[in-house]
Amino acid sequence: MQDFELIIINAASKTLEIFEKNIDLTDEELIKKVLSKLDLTKASKDSKLVAIPTINLTLKIKTVNKKLTNKQIIQKVLNEKNNLILNTL
């Protein structure tokens, strides 16, 4: 569970970082870019499956709540970690 939490934090952080620098990317392009930056090559399949919904949720929160700081967005994503993990496994 702790490994998944780190993946969620890293995926959310990278998503926000890349989104802010490349606001014109499509969701699919952003997901590919974030996954490549996360370096999940040695990670389990489940880890990769947790990262993708985390990226989507992070984008959703960012676009709906434009005034939230990145830290607040990451906290909201972490609040959903059980759903992210359980829906993946």
PDB file of N, CA and C in Angstrom:
ATOM      1  N   MET A   1       0.824  -1.195   0.000  1.00  0.00           N
ATOM      2  CA  MET A   1       0.000   0.000   0.000  1.00  0.00           C
ATOM      3  C   MET A   1       0.866   1.255   0.000  1.00  0.00           C
ATOM      4  N   GLN A   2       1.974   1.204   0.734  1.00  0.00           N
ATOM      5  CA  GLN A   2       2.846   2.362   0.814  1.00  0.00           C
ATOM      6  C   GLN A   2       3.513   2.642  -0.539  1.00  0.00           C
ATOM      7  N   ASP A   3       3.866   1.590  -1.284  1.00  0.00           N
ATOM      8  CA  ASP A   3       4.443   1.775  -2.611  1.00  0.00           C
ATOM      9  C   ASP A   3       3.455   2.461  -3.541  1.00  0.00           C
ATOM     10  N   PHE A   4       2.178   2.059  -3.442  1.00  0.00           N
ATOM     11  CA  PHE A   4       1.155   2.691  -4.270  1.00  0.00           C
ATOM     12  C   PHE A   4       0.996   4.162  -3.915  1.00  0.00           C
ATOM     13  N   GLU A   5       1.108   4.483  -2.635  1.00  0.00           N
ATOM     14  CA  GLU A   5       0.987   5.879  -2.207  1.00  0.00           C
ATOM     15  C   GLU A   5       2.100   6.722  -2.828  1.00  0.00           C
ATOM     16  N   LEU A   6       3.302   6.191  -2.868  1.00  0.00           N
ATOM     17  CA  LEU A   6       4.416   6.913  -3.501  1.00  0.00           C
ATOM     18  C   LEU A   6       4.181   7.085  -4.999  1.00  0.00           C
ATOM     19  N   ILE A   7       3.647   6.071  -5.630  1.00  0.00           N
ATOM     20  CA  ILE A   7       3.344   6.168  -7.059  1.00  0.00           C
ATOM     21  C   ILE A   7       2.277   7.233  -7.296  1.00  0.00           C
ATOM     22  N   ILE A   8       1.269   7.268  -6.431  1.00  0.00           N
ATOM     23  CA  ILE A   8       0.209   8.268  -6.564  1.00  0.00           C
ATOM     24  C   ILE A   8       0.770   9.675  -6.400  1.00  0.00           C
ATOM     25  N   ILE A   9       1.596   9.873  -5.394  1.00  0.00           N
ATOM     26  CA  ILE A   9       2.199  11.197  -5.168  1.00  0.00           C
ATOM     27  C   ILE A   9       3.073  11.594  -6.353  1.00  0.00           C
ATOM     28  N   ASN A  10       3.924  10.678  -6.803  1.00  0.00           N
ATOM     29  CA  ASN A  10       4.809  10.988  -7.932  1.00  0.00           C
ATOM     30  C   ASN A  10       4.020  11.243  -9.215  1.00  0.00           C
ATOM     31  N   ALA A  11       3.000  10.438  -9.466  1.00  0.00           N
ATOM     32  CA  ALA A  11       2.198  10.616 -10.678  1.00  0.00           C
ATOM     33  C   ALA A  11       1.463  11.958 -10.649  1.00  0.00           C
ATOM     34  N   ALA A  12       0.896  12.304  -9.509  1.00  0.00           N
ATOM     35  CA  ALA A  12       0.194  13.586  -9.395  1.00  0.00           C
ATOM     36  C   ALA A  12       1.161  14.756  -9.558  1.00  0.00           C
ATOM     37  N   SER A  13       2.317  14.662  -8.922  1.00  0.00           N
ATOM     38  CA  SER A  13       3.318  15.738  -9.017  1.00  0.00           C
ATOM     39  C   SER A  13       3.811  15.932 -10.448  1.00  0.00           C
ATOM     40  N   LYS A  14       4.160  14.818 -11.096  1.00  0.00           N
ATOM     41  CA  LYS A  14       4.644  14.892 -12.487  1.00  0.00           C
ATOM     42  C   LYS A  14       3.549  15.407 -13.415  1.00  0.00           C
ATOM     43  N   THR A  15       2.317  15.000 -13.170  1.00  0.00           N
ATOM     44  CA  THR A  15       1.206  15.465 -13.999  1.00  0.00           C
ATOM     45  C   THR A  15       1.087  16.977 -13.920  1.00  0.00           C
ATOM     46  N   LEU A  16       1.112  17.514 -12.715  1.00  0.00           N
ATOM     47  CA  LEU A  16       0.993  18.964 -12.542  1.00  0.00           C
ATOM     48  C   LEU A  16       2.180  19.701 -13.162  1.00  0.00           C
ATOM     49  N   GLU A  17       3.361  19.154 -12.955  1.00  0.00           N
ATOM     50  CA  GLU A  17       4.583  19.765 -13.509  1.00  0.00           C
ATOM     51  C   GLU A  17       4.529  19.817 -15.036  1.00  0.00           C
ATOM     52  N   ILE A  18       4.193  18.708 -15.647  1.00  0.00           N
ATOM     53  CA  ILE A  18       4.162  18.634 -17.111  1.00  0.00           C
ATOM     54  C   ILE A  18       2.991  19.431 -17.676  1.00  0.00           C
ATOM     55  N   PHE A  19       1.840  19.377 -17.012  1.00  0.00           N
ATOM     56  CA  PHE A  19       0.656  20.111 -17.472  1.00  0.00           C
ATOM     57  C   PHE A  19       0.931  21.609 -17.507  1.00  0.00           C
ATOM     58  N   GLU A  20       1.584  22.123 -16.479  1.00  0.00           N
ATOM     59  CA  GLU A  20       1.864  23.556 -16.415  1.00  0.00           C
ATOM     60  C   GLU A  20       2.826  24.008 -17.510  1.00  0.00           C
ATOM     61  N   LYS A  21       3.728  23.129 -17.920  1.00  0.00           N
ATOM     62  CA  LYS A  21       4.696  23.470 -18.963  1.00  0.00           C
ATOM     63  C   LYS A  21       4.155  23.214 -20.363  1.00  0.00           C
ATOM     64  N   ASN A  22       3.161  22.334 -20.483  1.00  0.00           N
ATOM     65  CA  ASN A  22       2.632  21.916 -21.787  1.00  0.00           C
ATOM     66  C   ASN A  22       1.111  21.903 -21.752  1.00  0.00           C
ATOM     67  N   ILE A  23       0.507  23.047 -21.535  1.00  0.00           N
ATOM     68  CA  ILE A  23      -0.943  23.121 -21.335  1.00  0.00           C
ATOM     69  C   ILE A  23      -1.734  22.712 -22.576  1.00  0.00           C
ATOM     70  N   ASP A  24      -1.085  22.691 -23.733  1.00  0.00           N
ATOM     71  CA  ASP A  24      -1.776  22.368 -24.984  1.00  0.00           C
ATOM     72  C   ASP A  24      -1.775  20.875 -25.328  1.00  0.00           C
ATOM     73  N   LEU A  25      -1.171  20.045 -24.483  1.00  0.00           N
ATOM     74  CA  LEU A  25      -1.151  18.609 -24.737  1.00  0.00           C
ATOM     75  C   LEU A  25      -2.545  18.008 -24.561  1.00  0.00           C
ATOM     76  N   THR A  26      -2.850  17.008 -25.364  1.00  0.00           N
ATOM     77  CA  THR A  26      -4.090  16.261 -25.148  1.00  0.00           C
ATOM     78  C   THR A  26      -3.902  15.390 -23.911  1.00  0.00           C
ATOM     79  N   ASP A  27      -4.995  14.875 -23.383  1.00  0.00           N
ATOM     80  CA  ASP A  27      -4.900  14.006 -22.202  1.00  0.00           C
ATOM     81  C   ASP A  27      -4.036  12.786 -22.492  1.00  0.00           C
ATOM     82  N   GLU A  28      -4.223  12.218 -23.676  1.00  0.00           N
ATOM     83  CA  GLU A  28      -3.448  11.030 -24.046  1.00  0.00           C
ATOM     84  C   GLU A  28      -1.952  11.338 -24.121  1.00  0.00           C
ATOM     85  N   GLU A  29      -1.603  12.465 -24.723  1.00  0.00           N
ATOM     86  CA  GLU A  29      -0.193  12.860 -24.824  1.00  0.00           C
ATOM     87  C   GLU A  29       0.397  13.099 -23.431  1.00  0.00           C
ATOM     88  N   LEU A  30      -0.393  13.735 -22.576  1.00  0.00           N
ATOM     89  CA  LEU A  30       0.070  14.019 -21.224  1.00  0.00           C
ATOM     90  C   LEU A  30       0.291  12.727 -20.439  1.00  0.00           C
ATOM     91  N   ILE A  31      -0.631  11.786 -20.569  1.00  0.00           N
ATOM     92  CA  ILE A  31      -0.485  10.504 -19.877  1.00  0.00           C
ATOM     93  C   ILE A  31       0.795   9.799 -20.322  1.00  0.00           C
ATOM     94  N   LYS A  32       1.032   9.756 -21.629  1.00  0.00           N
ATOM     95  CA  LYS A  32       2.254   9.120 -22.142  1.00  0.00           C
ATOM     96  C   LYS A  32       3.504   9.802 -21.612  1.00  0.00           C
ATOM     97  N   LYS A  33       3.478  11.128 -21.589  1.00  0.00           N
ATOM     98  CA  LYS A  33       4.643  11.886 -21.138  1.00  0.00           C
ATOM     99  C   LYS A  33       4.894  11.648 -19.640  1.00  0.00           C
ATOM    100  N   VAL A  34       3.829  11.665 -18.850  1.00  0.00           N
ATOM    101  CA  VAL A  34       3.975  11.438 -17.412  1.00  0.00           C
ATOM    102  C   VAL A  34       4.481  10.024 -17.144  1.00  0.00           C
ATOM    103  N   LEU A  35       3.904   9.043 -17.814  1.00  0.00           N
ATOM    104  CA  LEU A  35       4.347   7.660 -17.611  1.00  0.00           C
ATOM    105  C   LEU A  35       5.816   7.486 -17.971  1.00  0.00           C
ATOM    106  N   SER A  36       6.259   8.153 -19.015  1.00  0.00           N
ATOM    107  CA  SER A  36       7.673   8.036 -19.390  1.00  0.00           C
ATOM    108  C   SER A  36       8.579   8.690 -18.343  1.00  0.00           C
ATOM    109  N   LYS A  37       8.107   9.760 -17.724  1.00  0.00           N
ATOM    110  CA  LYS A  37       8.903  10.447 -16.694  1.00  0.00           C
ATOM    111  C   LYS A  37       8.911   9.692 -15.367  1.00  0.00           C
ATOM    112  N   LEU A  38       7.876   8.902 -15.116  1.00  0.00           N
ATOM    113  CA  LEU A  38       7.807   8.165 -13.859  1.00  0.00           C
ATOM    114  C   LEU A  38       8.765   6.991 -13.812  1.00  0.00           C
ATOM    115  N   ASP A  39       9.208   6.529 -14.951  1.00  0.00           N
ATOM    116  CA  ASP A  39      10.138   5.400 -15.025  1.00  0.00           C
ATOM    117  C   ASP A  39       9.602   4.196 -14.252  1.00  0.00           C
ATOM    118  N   LEU A  40       8.489   3.684 -14.725  1.00  0.00           N
ATOM    119  CA  LEU A  40       7.869   2.522 -14.104  1.00  0.00           C
ATOM    120  C   LEU A  40       8.280   1.220 -14.789  1.00  0.00           C
ATOM    121  N   THR A  41       9.405   1.236 -15.469  1.00  0.00           N
ATOM    122  CA  THR A  41       9.840   0.048 -16.206  1.00  0.00           C
ATOM    123  C   THR A  41      10.049  -1.157 -15.293  1.00  0.00           C
ATOM    124  N   LYS A  42      10.518  -0.926 -14.090  1.00  0.00           N
ATOM    125  CA  LYS A  42      10.749  -2.028 -13.151  1.00  0.00           C
ATOM    126  C   LYS A  42       9.569  -2.239 -12.207  1.00  0.00           C
ATOM    127  N   ALA A  43       8.563  -1.400 -12.337  1.00  0.00           N
ATOM    128  CA  ALA A  43       7.413  -1.489 -11.439  1.00  0.00           C
ATOM    129  C   ALA A  43       6.464  -2.599 -11.888  1.00  0.00           C
ATOM    130  N   SER A  44       5.621  -2.993 -10.978  1.00  0.00           N
ATOM    131  CA  SER A  44       4.641  -4.029 -11.299  1.00  0.00           C
ATOM    132  C   SER A  44       3.566  -3.471 -12.222  1.00  0.00           C
ATOM    133  N   LYS A  45       2.846  -4.386 -12.846  1.00  0.00           N
ATOM    134  CA  LYS A  45       1.740  -3.987 -13.724  1.00  0.00           C
ATOM    135  C   LYS A  45       0.705  -3.195 -12.922  1.00  0.00           C
ATOM    136  N   ASP A  46       0.455  -3.601 -11.685  1.00  0.00           N
ATOM    137  CA  ASP A  46      -0.511  -2.903 -10.832  1.00  0.00           C
ATOM    138  C   ASP A  46      -0.084  -1.459 -10.577  1.00  0.00           C
ATOM    139  N   SER A  47       1.206  -1.241 -10.433  1.00  0.00           N
ATOM    140  CA  SER A  47       1.705   0.116 -10.217  1.00  0.00           C
ATOM    141  C   SER A  47       1.393   1.008 -11.412  1.00  0.00           C
ATOM    142  N   LYS A  48       1.582   0.466 -12.593  1.00  0.00           N
ATOM    143  CA  LYS A  48       1.273   1.225 -13.803  1.00  0.00           C
ATOM    144  C   LYS A  48      -0.224   1.495 -13.899  1.00  0.00           C
ATOM    145  N   LEU A  49      -1.012   0.518 -13.476  1.00  0.00           N
ATOM    146  CA  LEU A  49      -2.460   0.681 -13.533  1.00  0.00           C
ATOM    147  C   LEU A  49      -2.972   1.690 -12.504  1.00  0.00           C
ATOM    148  N   VAL A  50      -2.234   1.917 -11.439  1.00  0.00           N
ATOM    149  CA  VAL A  50      -2.596   2.938 -10.456  1.00  0.00           C
ATOM    150  C   VAL A  50      -2.202   4.324 -10.973  1.00  0.00           C
ATOM    151  N   ALA A  51      -1.113   4.405 -11.708  1.00  0.00           N
ATOM    152  CA  ALA A  51      -0.622   5.698 -12.187  1.00  0.00           C
ATOM    153  C   ALA A  51      -1.586   6.361 -13.167  1.00  0.00           C
ATOM    154  N   ILE A  52      -2.171   5.599 -14.059  1.00  0.00           N
ATOM    155  CA  ILE A  52      -3.034   6.192 -15.093  1.00  0.00           C
ATOM    156  C   ILE A  52      -4.281   6.852 -14.498  1.00  0.00           C
ATOM    157  N   PRO A  53      -5.049   6.188 -13.628  1.00  0.00           N
ATOM    158  CA  PRO A  53      -6.196   6.892 -13.040  1.00  0.00           C
ATOM    159  C   PRO A  53      -5.778   8.062 -12.145  1.00  0.00           C
ATOM    160  N   THR A  54      -4.585   7.964 -11.569  1.00  0.00           N
ATOM    161  CA  THR A  54      -4.072   9.083 -10.772  1.00  0.00           C
ATOM    162  C   THR A  54      -3.845  10.298 -11.655  1.00  0.00           C
ATOM    163  N   ILE A  55      -3.271  10.083 -12.816  1.00  0.00           N
ATOM    164  CA  ILE A  55      -3.045  11.179 -13.769  1.00  0.00           C
ATOM    165  C   ILE A  55      -4.387  11.793 -14.175  1.00  0.00           C
ATOM    166  N   ASN A  56      -5.352  10.947 -14.502  1.00  0.00           N
ATOM    167  CA  ASN A  56      -6.673  11.443 -14.902  1.00  0.00           C
ATOM    168  C   ASN A  56      -7.343  12.235 -13.787  1.00  0.00           C
ATOM    169  N   LEU A  57      -7.288  11.726 -12.566  1.00  0.00           N
ATOM    170  CA  LEU A  57      -7.902  12.411 -11.436  1.00  0.00           C
ATOM    171  C   LEU A  57      -7.215  13.750 -11.165  1.00  0.00           C
ATOM    172  N   THR A  58      -5.904  13.762 -11.257  1.00  0.00           N
ATOM    173  CA  THR A  58      -5.150  14.997 -11.043  1.00  0.00           C
ATOM    174  C   THR A  58      -5.559  16.050 -12.059  1.00  0.00           C
ATOM    175  N   LEU A  59      -5.666  15.662 -13.317  1.00  0.00           N
ATOM    176  CA  LEU A  59      -6.100  16.597 -14.363  1.00  0.00           C
ATOM    177  C   LEU A  59      -7.512  17.109 -14.103  1.00  0.00           C
ATOM    178  N   LYS A  60      -8.390  16.204 -13.697  1.00  0.00           N
ATOM    179  CA  LYS A  60      -9.773  16.593 -13.430  1.00  0.00           C
ATOM    180  C   LYS A  60      -9.836  17.621 -12.303  1.00  0.00           C
ATOM    181  N   ILE A  61      -9.132  17.345 -11.219  1.00  0.00           N
ATOM    182  CA  ILE A  61      -9.127  18.282 -10.082  1.00  0.00           C
ATOM    183  C   ILE A  61      -8.524  19.614 -10.496  1.00  0.00           C
ATOM    184  N   LYS A  62      -7.441  19.576 -11.257  1.00  0.00           N
ATOM    185  CA  LYS A  62      -6.759  20.801 -11.689  1.00  0.00           C
ATOM    186  C   LYS A  62      -7.668  21.659 -12.571  1.00  0.00           C
ATOM    187  N   THR A  63      -8.391  21.044 -13.482  1.00  0.00           N
ATOM    188  CA  THR A  63      -9.223  21.822 -14.399  1.00  0.00           C
ATOM    189  C   THR A  63     -10.506  22.317 -13.738  1.00  0.00           C
ATOM    190  N   VAL A  64     -11.022  21.568 -12.777  1.00  0.00           N
ATOM    191  CA  VAL A  64     -12.258  21.990 -12.096  1.00  0.00           C
ATOM    192  C   VAL A  64     -11.974  23.035 -11.016  1.00  0.00           C
ATOM    193  N   ASN A  65     -10.850  22.913 -10.354  1.00  0.00           N
ATOM    194  CA  ASN A  65     -10.500  23.805  -9.235  1.00  0.00           C
ATOM    195  C   ASN A  65      -9.217  24.564  -9.553  1.00  0.00           C
ATOM    196  N   LYS A  66      -9.309  25.502 -10.446  1.00  0.00           N
ATOM    197  CA  LYS A  66      -8.124  26.216 -10.936  1.00  0.00           C
ATOM    198  C   LYS A  66      -7.382  27.003  -9.859  1.00  0.00           C
ATOM    199  N   LYS A  67      -8.049  27.341  -8.777  1.00  0.00           N
ATOM    200  CA  LYS A  67      -7.419  28.154  -7.736  1.00  0.00           C
ATOM    201  C   LYS A  67      -6.646  27.344  -6.701  1.00  0.00           C
ATOM    202  N   LEU A  68      -6.780  26.022  -6.739  1.00  0.00           N
ATOM    203  CA  LEU A  68      -6.058  25.192  -5.779  1.00  0.00           C
ATOM    204  C   LEU A  68      -4.565  25.190  -6.078  1.00  0.00           C
ATOM    205  N   THR A  69      -3.766  25.130  -5.034  1.00  0.00           N
ATOM    206  CA  THR A  69      -2.322  24.994  -5.218  1.00  0.00           C
ATOM    207  C   THR A  69      -2.020  23.539  -5.576  1.00  0.00           C
ATOM    208  N   ASN A  70      -0.834  23.311  -6.077  1.00  0.00           N
ATOM    209  CA  ASN A  70      -0.433  21.936  -6.407  1.00  0.00           C
ATOM    210  C   ASN A  70      -0.463  21.046  -5.168  1.00  0.00           C
ATOM    211  N   LYS A  71      -0.049  21.577  -4.044  1.00  0.00           N
ATOM    212  CA  LYS A  71      -0.061  20.809  -2.800  1.00  0.00           C
ATOM    213  C   LYS A  71      -1.491  20.403  -2.435  1.00  0.00           C
ATOM    214  N   GLN A  72      -2.450  21.321  -2.607  1.00  0.00           N
ATOM    215  CA  GLN A  72      -3.842  21.010  -2.303  1.00  0.00           C
ATOM    216  C   GLN A  72      -4.399  19.956  -3.263  1.00  0.00           C
ATOM    217  N   ILE A  73      -3.997  20.045  -4.524  1.00  0.00           N
ATOM    218  CA  ILE A  73      -4.443  19.062  -5.514  1.00  0.00           C
ATOM    219  C   ILE A  73      -3.902  17.680  -5.170  1.00  0.00           C
ATOM    220  N   ILE A  74      -2.626  17.614  -4.839  1.00  0.00           N
ATOM    221  CA  ILE A  74      -2.021  16.330  -4.473  1.00  0.00           C
ATOM    222  C   ILE A  74      -2.708  15.759  -3.237  1.00  0.00           C
ATOM    223  N   GLN A  75      -3.059  16.611  -2.281  1.00  0.00           N
ATOM    224  CA  GLN A  75      -3.758  16.135  -1.083  1.00  0.00           C
ATOM    225  C   GLN A  75      -5.132  15.572  -1.444  1.00  0.00           C
ATOM    226  N   LYS A  76      -5.847  16.231  -2.345  1.00  0.00           N
ATOM    227  CA  LYS A  76      -7.150  15.724  -2.793  1.00  0.00           C
ATOM    228  C   LYS A  76      -7.002  14.367  -3.490  1.00  0.00           C
ATOM    229  N   VAL A  77      -5.958  14.243  -4.299  1.00  0.00           N
ATOM    230  CA  VAL A  77      -5.698  12.965  -4.966  1.00  0.00           C
ATOM    231  C   VAL A  77      -5.390  11.891  -3.920  1.00  0.00           C
ATOM    232  N   LEU A  78      -4.574  12.214  -2.941  1.00  0.00           N
ATOM    233  CA  LEU A  78      -4.245  11.247  -1.884  1.00  0.00           C
ATOM    234  C   LEU A  78      -5.472  10.835  -1.087  1.00  0.00           C
ATOM    235  N   ASN A  79      -6.413  11.754  -0.927  1.00  0.00           N
ATOM    236  CA  ASN A  79      -7.650  11.420  -0.221  1.00  0.00           C
ATOM    237  C   ASN A  79      -8.436  10.340  -0.960  1.00  0.00           C
ATOM    238  N   GLU A  80      -8.174  10.202  -2.246  1.00  0.00           N
ATOM    239  CA  GLU A  80      -8.855   9.203  -3.073  1.00  0.00           C
ATOM    240  C   GLU A  80      -8.011   7.948  -3.301  1.00  0.00           C
ATOM    241  N   LYS A  81      -6.894   7.830  -2.583  1.00  0.00           N
ATOM    242  CA  LYS A  81      -5.955   6.732  -2.865  1.00  0.00           C
ATOM    243  C   LYS A  81      -6.587   5.354  -2.737  1.00  0.00           C
ATOM    244  N   ASN A  82      -7.445   5.167  -1.758  1.00  0.00           N
ATOM    245  CA  ASN A  82      -8.064   3.843  -1.606  1.00  0.00           C
ATOM    246  C   ASN A  82      -8.912   3.494  -2.817  1.00  0.00           C
ATOM    247  N   ASN A  83      -9.659   4.468  -3.329  1.00  0.00           N
ATOM    248  CA  ASN A  83     -10.465   4.241  -4.540  1.00  0.00           C
ATOM    249  C   ASN A  83      -9.569   3.972  -5.740  1.00  0.00           C
ATOM    250  N   LEU A  84      -8.489   4.714  -5.865  1.00  0.00           N
ATOM    251  CA  LEU A  84      -7.567   4.530  -6.981  1.00  0.00           C
ATOM    252  C   LEU A  84      -6.960   3.127  -6.964  1.00  0.00           C
ATOM    253  N   ILE A  85      -6.596   2.681  -5.788  1.00  0.00           N
ATOM    254  CA  ILE A  85      -5.952   1.374  -5.662  1.00  0.00           C
ATOM    255  C   ILE A  85      -6.975   0.241  -5.829  1.00  0.00           C
ATOM    256  N   LEU A  86      -8.091   0.348  -5.141  1.00  0.00           N
ATOM    257  CA  LEU A  86      -9.094  -0.722  -5.185  1.00  0.00           C
ATOM    258  C   LEU A  86      -9.717  -0.868  -6.578  1.00  0.00           C
ATOM    259  N   ASN A  87      -9.915   0.230  -7.279  1.00  0.00           N
ATOM    260  CA  ASN A  87     -10.496   0.162  -8.613  1.00  0.00           C
ATOM    261  C   ASN A  87      -9.516  -0.413  -9.636  1.00  0.00           C
ATOM    262  N   THR A  88      -8.261  -0.445  -9.285  1.00  0.00           N
ATOM    263  CA  THR A  88      -7.230  -0.931 -10.183  1.00  0.00           C
ATOM    264  C   THR A  88      -6.978  -2.424 -10.024  1.00  0.00           C
ATOM    265  N   LEU A  89      -7.035  -2.879  -8.805  1.00  0.00           N
ATOM    266  CA  LEU A  89      -6.660  -4.266  -8.519  1.00  0.00           C
ATOM    267  C   LEU A  89      -7.783  -5.240  -8.763  1.00  0.00           C
TER     268      LEU A  89
END
